Amino acid sequence: MALAPGESKTVTFSIRTEDFAYWLSDDRFAATAGPVEVMTGPNAADVRTGVFDYRPPRDAELSSAGTRPSPAGSPPGR
């Protein structure tokens, strides 16, 4: 999103349970509830951080196939 100098906008986006998943040694994905640090900014030298408490939905299901589900907009296998 491009902004003019001094302009601000509110941005809303969704984060799926799969975006928090990691591979466990018993061959499955898991997404653990708890604090998550998020970093944003215009470049790597000007980063702002925030923390939120992630709680997976009770009905969340993760793929146990050999690859992690692809993030939204990414080709499969990435």
PDB file of N, CA and C in Angstrom:
ATOM      1  N   MET A   1       0.847  -1.160   0.000  1.00  0.00           N
ATOM      2  CA  MET A   1       0.000   0.000   0.000  1.00  0.00           C
ATOM      3  C   MET A   1       0.899   1.232   0.000  1.00  0.00           C
ATOM      4  N   ALA A   2       0.668   2.115  -0.910  1.00  0.00           N
ATOM      5  CA  ALA A   2       1.443   3.348  -0.984  1.00  0.00           C
ATOM      6  C   ALA A   2       0.685   4.471  -0.274  1.00  0.00           C
ATOM      7  N   LEU A   3       1.430   5.278   0.476  1.00  0.00           N
ATOM      8  CA  LEU A   3       0.845   6.418   1.175  1.00  0.00           C
ATOM      9  C   LEU A   3       1.639   7.675   0.850  1.00  0.00           C
ATOM     10  N   ALA A   4       0.951   8.771   0.782  1.00  0.00           N
ATOM     11  CA  ALA A   4       1.619  10.060   0.604  1.00  0.00           C
ATOM     12  C   ALA A   4       2.248  10.459   1.946  1.00  0.00           C
ATOM     13  N   PRO A   5       3.276  11.299   1.929  1.00  0.00           N
ATOM     14  CA  PRO A   5       3.876  11.749   3.186  1.00  0.00           C
ATOM     15  C   PRO A   5       2.807  12.326   4.124  1.00  0.00           C
ATOM     16  N   GLY A   6       2.786  11.857   5.364  1.00  0.00           N
ATOM     17  CA  GLY A   6       1.833  12.320   6.360  1.00  0.00           C
ATOM     18  C   GLY A   6       0.482  11.625   6.306  1.00  0.00           C
ATOM     19  N   GLU A   7       0.221  10.841   5.270  1.00  0.00           N
ATOM     20  CA  GLU A   7      -1.063  10.146   5.136  1.00  0.00           C
ATOM     21  C   GLU A   7      -1.052   8.867   5.980  1.00  0.00           C
ATOM     22  N   SER A   8      -2.204   8.517   6.500  1.00  0.00           N
ATOM     23  CA  SER A   8      -2.323   7.252   7.227  1.00  0.00           C
ATOM     24  C   SER A   8      -3.602   6.555   6.801  1.00  0.00           C
ATOM     25  N   LYS A   9      -3.594   5.234   6.890  1.00  0.00           N
ATOM     26  CA  LYS A   9      -4.759   4.421   6.580  1.00  0.00           C
ATOM     27  C   LYS A   9      -4.784   3.254   7.543  1.00  0.00           C
ATOM     28  N   THR A  10      -5.972   2.747   7.794  1.00  0.00           N
ATOM     29  CA  THR A  10      -6.124   1.548   8.590  1.00  0.00           C
ATOM     30  C   THR A  10      -6.136   0.353   7.648  1.00  0.00           C
ATOM     31  N   VAL A  11      -5.344  -0.653   7.979  1.00  0.00           N
ATOM     32  CA  VAL A  11      -5.257  -1.857   7.175  1.00  0.00           C
ATOM     33  C   VAL A  11      -5.757  -3.026   8.017  1.00  0.00           C
ATOM     34  N   THR A  12      -6.588  -3.843   7.433  1.00  0.00           N
ATOM     35  CA  THR A  12      -7.101  -5.025   8.103  1.00  0.00           C
ATOM     36  C   THR A  12      -6.721  -6.244   7.277  1.00  0.00           C
ATOM     37  N   PHE A  13      -6.254  -7.289   7.942  1.00  0.00           N
ATOM     38  CA  PHE A  13      -5.932  -8.529   7.244  1.00  0.00           C
ATOM     39  C   PHE A  13      -6.210  -9.697   8.165  1.00  0.00           C
ATOM     40  N   SER A  14      -6.359 -10.851   7.564  1.00  0.00           N
ATOM     41  CA  SER A  14      -6.637 -12.067   8.322  1.00  0.00           C
ATOM     42  C   SER A  14      -5.387 -12.925   8.403  1.00  0.00           C
ATOM     43  N   ILE A  15      -5.209 -13.560   9.544  1.00  0.00           N
ATOM     44  CA  ILE A  15      -4.112 -14.497   9.735  1.00  0.00           C
ATOM     45  C   ILE A  15      -4.751 -15.837  10.058  1.00  0.00           C
ATOM     46  N   ARG A  16      -4.407 -16.849   9.260  1.00  0.00           N
ATOM     47  CA  ARG A  16      -4.991 -18.167   9.445  1.00  0.00           C
ATOM     48  C   ARG A  16      -4.206 -18.979  10.477  1.00  0.00           C
ATOM     49  N   THR A  17      -4.844 -19.969  11.038  1.00  0.00           N
ATOM     50  CA  THR A  17      -4.169 -20.869  11.974  1.00  0.00           C
ATOM     51  C   THR A  17      -2.923 -21.468  11.330  1.00  0.00           C
ATOM     52  N   GLU A  18      -2.983 -21.821  10.047  1.00  0.00           N
ATOM     53  CA  GLU A  18      -1.844 -22.408   9.346  1.00  0.00           C
ATOM     54  C   GLU A  18      -0.630 -21.482   9.335  1.00  0.00           C
ATOM     55  N   ASP A  19      -0.860 -20.182   9.411  1.00  0.00           N
ATOM     56  CA  ASP A  19       0.238 -19.221   9.401  1.00  0.00           C
ATOM     57  C   ASP A  19       1.069 -19.279  10.679  1.00  0.00           C
ATOM     58  N   PHE A  20       0.528 -19.885  11.730  1.00  0.00           N
ATOM     59  CA  PHE A  20       1.237 -20.022  13.005  1.00  0.00           C
ATOM     60  C   PHE A  20       1.777 -21.432  13.215  1.00  0.00           C
ATOM     61  N   ALA A  21       1.519 -22.318  12.283  1.00  0.00           N
ATOM     62  CA  ALA A  21       1.858 -23.720  12.469  1.00  0.00           C
ATOM     63  C   ALA A  21       3.348 -23.993  12.303  1.00  0.00           C
ATOM     64  N   TYR A  22       3.787 -24.999  13.017  1.00  0.00           N
ATOM     65  CA  TYR A  22       5.154 -25.497  12.891  1.00  0.00           C
ATOM     66  C   TYR A  22       5.108 -27.016  12.933  1.00  0.00           C
ATOM     67  N   TRP A  23       6.141 -27.657  12.393  1.00  0.00           N
ATOM     68  CA  TRP A  23       6.195 -29.110  12.262  1.00  0.00           C
ATOM     69  C   TRP A  23       6.720 -29.731  13.552  1.00  0.00           C
ATOM     70  N   LEU A  24       6.005 -30.742  14.036  1.00  0.00           N
ATOM     71  CA  LEU A  24       6.413 -31.445  15.245  1.00  0.00           C
ATOM     72  C   LEU A  24       7.133 -32.744  14.891  1.00  0.00           C
ATOM     73  N   SER A  25       7.903 -33.263  15.812  1.00  0.00           N
ATOM     74  CA  SER A  25       8.669 -34.483  15.561  1.00  0.00           C
ATOM     75  C   SER A  25       7.779 -35.708  15.371  1.00  0.00           C
ATOM     76  N   ASP A  26       6.509 -35.632  15.765  1.00  0.00           N
ATOM     77  CA  ASP A  26       5.606 -36.772  15.551  1.00  0.00           C
ATOM     78  C   ASP A  26       4.813 -36.622  14.249  1.00  0.00           C
ATOM     79  N   ASP A  27       5.413 -35.910  13.280  1.00  0.00           N
ATOM     80  CA  ASP A  27       4.886 -35.795  11.915  1.00  0.00           C
ATOM     81  C   ASP A  27       3.508 -35.152  11.821  1.00  0.00           C
ATOM     82  N   ARG A  28       3.359 -34.025  12.471  1.00  0.00           N
ATOM     83  CA  ARG A  28       2.124 -33.246  12.351  1.00  0.00           C
ATOM     84  C   ARG A  28       2.439 -31.782  12.598  1.00  0.00           C
ATOM     85  N   PHE A  29       1.518 -30.936  12.150  1.00  0.00           N
ATOM     86  CA  PHE A  29       1.631 -29.507  12.390  1.00  0.00           C
ATOM     87  C   PHE A  29       0.904 -29.134  13.668  1.00  0.00           C
ATOM     88  N   ALA A  30       1.358 -28.081  14.320  1.00  0.00           N
ATOM     89  CA  ALA A  30       0.686 -27.567  15.510  1.00  0.00           C
ATOM     90  C   ALA A  30       0.760 -26.051  15.506  1.00  0.00           C
ATOM     91  N   ALA A  31      -0.245 -25.441  16.087  1.00  0.00           N
ATOM     92  CA  ALA A  31      -0.266 -23.993  16.300  1.00  0.00           C
ATOM     93  C   ALA A  31      -0.577 -23.794  17.772  1.00  0.00           C
ATOM     94  N   THR A  32       0.380 -23.305  18.505  1.00  0.00           N
ATOM     95  CA  THR A  32       0.265 -23.179  19.951  1.00  0.00           C
ATOM     96  C   THR A  32      -0.238 -21.802  20.347  1.00  0.00           C
ATOM     97  N   ALA A  33      -1.163 -21.773  21.274  1.00  0.00           N
ATOM     98  CA  ALA A  33      -1.668 -20.502  21.790  1.00  0.00           C
ATOM     99  C   ALA A  33      -0.563 -19.799  22.564  1.00  0.00           C
ATOM    100  N   GLY A  34      -0.580 -18.478  22.529  1.00  0.00           N
ATOM    101  CA  GLY A  34       0.388 -17.716  23.297  1.00  0.00           C
ATOM    102  C   GLY A  34       0.754 -16.416  22.616  1.00  0.00           C
ATOM    103  N   PRO A  35       1.707 -15.692  23.192  1.00  0.00           N
ATOM    104  CA  PRO A  35       2.091 -14.401  22.633  1.00  0.00           C
ATOM    105  C   PRO A  35       2.844 -14.552  21.306  1.00  0.00           C
ATOM    106  N   VAL A  36       2.539 -13.662  20.376  1.00  0.00           N
ATOM    107  CA  VAL A  36       3.185 -13.637  19.068  1.00  0.00           C
ATOM    108  C   VAL A  36       3.689 -12.221  18.821  1.00  0.00           C
ATOM    109  N   GLU A  37       4.960 -12.093  18.476  1.00  0.00           N
ATOM    110  CA  GLU A  37       5.522 -10.782  18.156  1.00  0.00           C
ATOM    111  C   GLU A  37       5.380 -10.528  16.661  1.00  0.00           C
ATOM    112  N   VAL A  38       4.865  -9.371  16.306  1.00  0.00           N
ATOM    113  CA  VAL A  38       4.683  -8.976  14.918  1.00  0.00           C
ATOM    114  C   VAL A  38       5.574  -7.775  14.654  1.00  0.00           C
ATOM    115  N   MET A  39       6.293  -7.806  13.530  1.00  0.00           N
ATOM    116  CA  MET A  39       7.180  -6.708  13.157  1.00  0.00           C
ATOM    117  C   MET A  39       6.705  -6.107  11.843  1.00  0.00           C
ATOM    118  N   THR A  40       6.561  -4.799  11.805  1.00  0.00           N
ATOM    119  CA  THR A  40       6.169  -4.089  10.597  1.00  0.00           C
ATOM    120  C   THR A  40       7.043  -2.857  10.435  1.00  0.00           C
ATOM    121  N   GLY A  41       7.051  -2.308   9.251  1.00  0.00           N
ATOM    122  CA  GLY A  41       7.795  -1.084   9.031  1.00  0.00           C
ATOM    123  C   GLY A  41       8.075  -0.869   7.562  1.00  0.00           C
ATOM    124  N   PRO A  42       8.519   0.317   7.221  1.00  0.00           N
ATOM    125  CA  PRO A  42       8.781   0.639   5.823  1.00  0.00           C
ATOM    126  C   PRO A  42      10.050  -0.013   5.283  1.00  0.00           C
ATOM    127  N   ASN A  43      10.968  -0.391   6.174  1.00  0.00           N
ATOM    128  CA  ASN A  43      12.207  -1.045   5.753  1.00  0.00           C
ATOM    129  C   ASN A  43      12.825  -1.732   6.969  1.00  0.00           C
ATOM    130  N   ALA A  44      13.885  -2.502   6.736  1.00  0.00           N
ATOM    131  CA  ALA A  44      14.497  -3.290   7.805  1.00  0.00           C
ATOM    132  C   ALA A  44      15.146  -2.433   8.886  1.00  0.00           C
ATOM    133  N   ALA A  45      15.482  -1.194   8.579  1.00  0.00           N
ATOM    134  CA  ALA A  45      16.122  -0.316   9.557  1.00  0.00           C
ATOM    135  C   ALA A  45      15.103   0.442  10.419  1.00  0.00           C
ATOM    136  N   ASP A  46      13.828   0.402  10.024  1.00  0.00           N
ATOM    137  CA  ASP A  46      12.789   1.156  10.733  1.00  0.00           C
ATOM    138  C   ASP A  46      11.615   0.226  11.051  1.00  0.00           C
ATOM    139  N   VAL A  47      11.846  -0.699  11.985  1.00  0.00           N
ATOM    140  CA  VAL A  47      10.858  -1.720  12.306  1.00  0.00           C
ATOM    141  C   VAL A  47      10.141  -1.384  13.607  1.00  0.00           C
ATOM    142  N   ARG A  48       8.845  -1.578  13.601  1.00  0.00           N
ATOM    143  CA  ARG A  48       8.044  -1.432  14.809  1.00  0.00           C
ATOM    144  C   ARG A  48       7.532  -2.804  15.203  1.00  0.00           C
ATOM    145  N   THR A  49       7.473  -3.063  16.490  1.00  0.00           N
ATOM    146  CA  THR A  49       7.006  -4.366  16.941  1.00  0.00           C
ATOM    147  C   THR A  49       5.760  -4.223  17.797  1.00  0.00           C
ATOM    148  N   GLY A  50       4.990  -5.268  17.805  1.00  0.00           N
ATOM    149  CA  GLY A  50       3.819  -5.356  18.648  1.00  0.00           C
ATOM    150  C   GLY A  50       3.637  -6.810  19.033  1.00  0.00           C
ATOM    151  N   VAL A  51       2.912  -7.048  20.095  1.00  0.00           N
ATOM    152  CA  VAL A  51       2.668  -8.415  20.553  1.00  0.00           C
ATOM    153  C   VAL A  51       1.167  -8.598  20.714  1.00  0.00           C
ATOM    154  N   PHE A  52       0.669  -9.731  20.248  1.00  0.00           N
ATOM    155  CA  PHE A  52      -0.715 -10.074  20.522  1.00  0.00           C
ATOM    156  C   PHE A  52      -0.779 -11.511  21.010  1.00  0.00           C
ATOM    157  N   ASP A  53      -1.867 -11.854  21.640  1.00  0.00           N
ATOM    158  CA  ASP A  53      -2.045 -13.179  22.213  1.00  0.00           C
ATOM    159  C   ASP A  53      -2.839 -14.023  21.230  1.00  0.00           C
ATOM    160  N   TYR A  54      -2.186 -15.011  20.611  1.00  0.00           N
ATOM    161  CA  TYR A  54      -2.836 -15.864  19.624  1.00  0.00           C
ATOM    162  C   TYR A  54      -3.584 -17.002  20.314  1.00  0.00           C
ATOM    163  N   ARG A  55      -4.831 -17.174  19.943  1.00  0.00           N
ATOM    164  CA  ARG A  55      -5.651 -18.279  20.437  1.00  0.00           C
ATOM    165  C   ARG A  55      -6.261 -18.993  19.233  1.00  0.00           C
ATOM    166  N   PRO A  56      -5.807 -20.218  18.930  1.00  0.00           N
ATOM    167  CA  PRO A  56      -6.390 -20.923  17.784  1.00  0.00           C
ATOM    168  C   PRO A  56      -7.863 -21.237  18.036  1.00  0.00           C
ATOM    169  N   PRO A  57      -8.676 -21.209  16.991  1.00  0.00           N
ATOM    170  CA  PRO A  57     -10.075 -21.578  17.152  1.00  0.00           C
ATOM    171  C   PRO A  57     -10.182 -23.032  17.612  1.00  0.00           C
ATOM    172  N   ARG A  58     -11.212 -23.348  18.343  1.00  0.00           N
ATOM    173  CA  ARG A  58     -11.380 -24.723  18.842  1.00  0.00           C
ATOM    174  C   ARG A  58     -11.509 -25.730  17.720  1.00  0.00           C
ATOM    175  N   ASP A  59     -12.073 -25.320  16.594  1.00  0.00           N
ATOM    176  CA  ASP A  59     -12.292 -26.251  15.496  1.00  0.00           C
ATOM    177  C   ASP A  59     -11.177 -26.208  14.453  1.00  0.00           C
ATOM    178  N   ALA A  60     -10.043 -25.598  14.780  1.00  0.00           N
ATOM    179  CA  ALA A  60      -8.941 -25.478  13.817  1.00  0.00           C
ATOM    180  C   ALA A  60      -8.369 -26.846  13.494  1.00  0.00           C
ATOM    181  N   GLU A  61      -8.208 -27.102  12.205  1.00  0.00           N
ATOM    182  CA  GLU A  61      -7.578 -28.334  11.755  1.00  0.00           C
ATOM    183  C   GLU A  61      -6.408 -27.958  10.870  1.00  0.00           C
ATOM    184  N   LEU A  62      -5.290 -28.636  11.049  1.00  0.00           N
ATOM    185  CA  LEU A  62      -4.106 -28.395  10.255  1.00  0.00           C
ATOM    186  C   LEU A  62      -3.810 -29.625   9.416  1.00  0.00           C
ATOM    187  N   SER A  63      -3.267 -29.414   8.241  1.00  0.00           N
ATOM    188  CA  SER A  63      -2.894 -30.512   7.369  1.00  0.00           C
ATOM    189  C   SER A  63      -1.744 -31.297   7.996  1.00  0.00           C
ATOM    190  N   SER A  64      -1.812 -32.615   7.917  1.00  0.00           N
ATOM    191  CA  SER A  64      -0.707 -33.424   8.411  1.00  0.00           C
ATOM    192  C   SER A  64       0.059 -34.037   7.242  1.00  0.00           C
ATOM    193  N   ALA A  65      -0.182 -33.530   6.044  1.00  0.00           N
ATOM    194  CA  ALA A  65       0.553 -34.002   4.871  1.00  0.00           C
ATOM    195  C   ALA A  65       2.010 -33.597   4.985  1.00  0.00           C
ATOM    196  N   GLY A  66       2.814 -33.986   4.021  1.00  0.00           N
ATOM    197  CA  GLY A  66       4.250 -33.745   4.079  1.00  0.00           C
ATOM    198  C   GLY A  66       4.666 -32.294   3.984  1.00  0.00           C
ATOM    199  N   THR A  67       3.784 -31.402   3.561  1.00  0.00           N
ATOM    200  CA  THR A  67       4.151 -29.994   3.449  1.00  0.00           C
ATOM    201  C   THR A  67       3.156 -29.137   4.203  1.00  0.00           C
ATOM    202  N   ARG A  68       3.624 -28.007   4.639  1.00  0.00           N
ATOM    203  CA  ARG A  68       2.769 -27.052   5.330  1.00  0.00           C
ATOM    204  C   ARG A  68       1.809 -26.436   4.322  1.00  0.00           C
ATOM    205  N   PRO A  69       0.562 -26.174   4.714  1.00  0.00           N
ATOM    206  CA  PRO A  69      -0.350 -25.488   3.810  1.00  0.00           C
ATOM    207  C   PRO A  69       0.243 -24.169   3.331  1.00  0.00           C
ATOM    208  N   SER A  70       0.045 -23.855   2.058  1.00  0.00           N
ATOM    209  CA  SER A  70       0.621 -22.634   1.483  1.00  0.00           C
ATOM    210  C   SER A  70      -0.043 -21.396   2.052  1.00  0.00           C
ATOM    211  N   PRO A  71       0.748 -20.352   2.351  1.00  0.00           N
ATOM    212  CA  PRO A  71       0.146 -19.072   2.771  1.00  0.00           C
ATOM    213  C   PRO A  71      -0.728 -18.527   1.656  1.00  0.00           C
ATOM    214  N   ALA A  72      -1.694 -17.727   1.998  1.00  0.00           N
ATOM    215  CA  ALA A  72      -2.607 -17.141   1.016  1.00  0.00           C
ATOM    216  C   ALA A  72      -1.819 -16.428  -0.070  1.00  0.00           C
ATOM    217  N   GLY A  73      -2.140 -16.711  -1.313  1.00  0.00           N
ATOM    218  CA  GLY A  73      -1.503 -16.031  -2.437  1.00  0.00           C
ATOM    219  C   GLY A  73      -0.173 -16.626  -2.857  1.00  0.00           C
ATOM    220  N   SER A  74       0.302 -17.669  -2.175  1.00  0.00           N
ATOM    221  CA  SER A  74       1.572 -18.284  -2.536  1.00  0.00           C
ATOM    222  C   SER A  74       1.320 -19.556  -3.332  1.00  0.00           C
ATOM    223  N   PRO A  75       2.216 -19.886  -4.246  1.00  0.00           N
ATOM    224  CA  PRO A  75       2.070 -21.144  -4.963  1.00  0.00           C
ATOM    225  C   PRO A  75       2.234 -22.318  -4.003  1.00  0.00           C
ATOM    226  N   PRO A  76       1.589 -23.461  -4.268  1.00  0.00           N
ATOM    227  CA  PRO A  76       1.756 -24.618  -3.401  1.00  0.00           C
ATOM    228  C   PRO A  76       3.222 -24.998  -3.262  1.00  0.00           C
ATOM    229  N   GLY A  77       3.583 -25.523  -2.091  1.00  0.00           N
ATOM    230  CA  GLY A  77       4.956 -25.951  -1.867  1.00  0.00           C
ATOM    231  C   GLY A  77       5.885 -24.873  -1.358  1.00  0.00           C
ATOM    232  N   ARG A  78       5.389 -23.687  -1.100  1.00  0.00           N
ATOM    233  CA  ARG A  78       6.235 -22.596  -0.583  1.00  0.00           C
ATOM    234  C   ARG A  78       5.942 -22.347   0.838  1.00  0.00           C
TER     235      ARG A  78
END
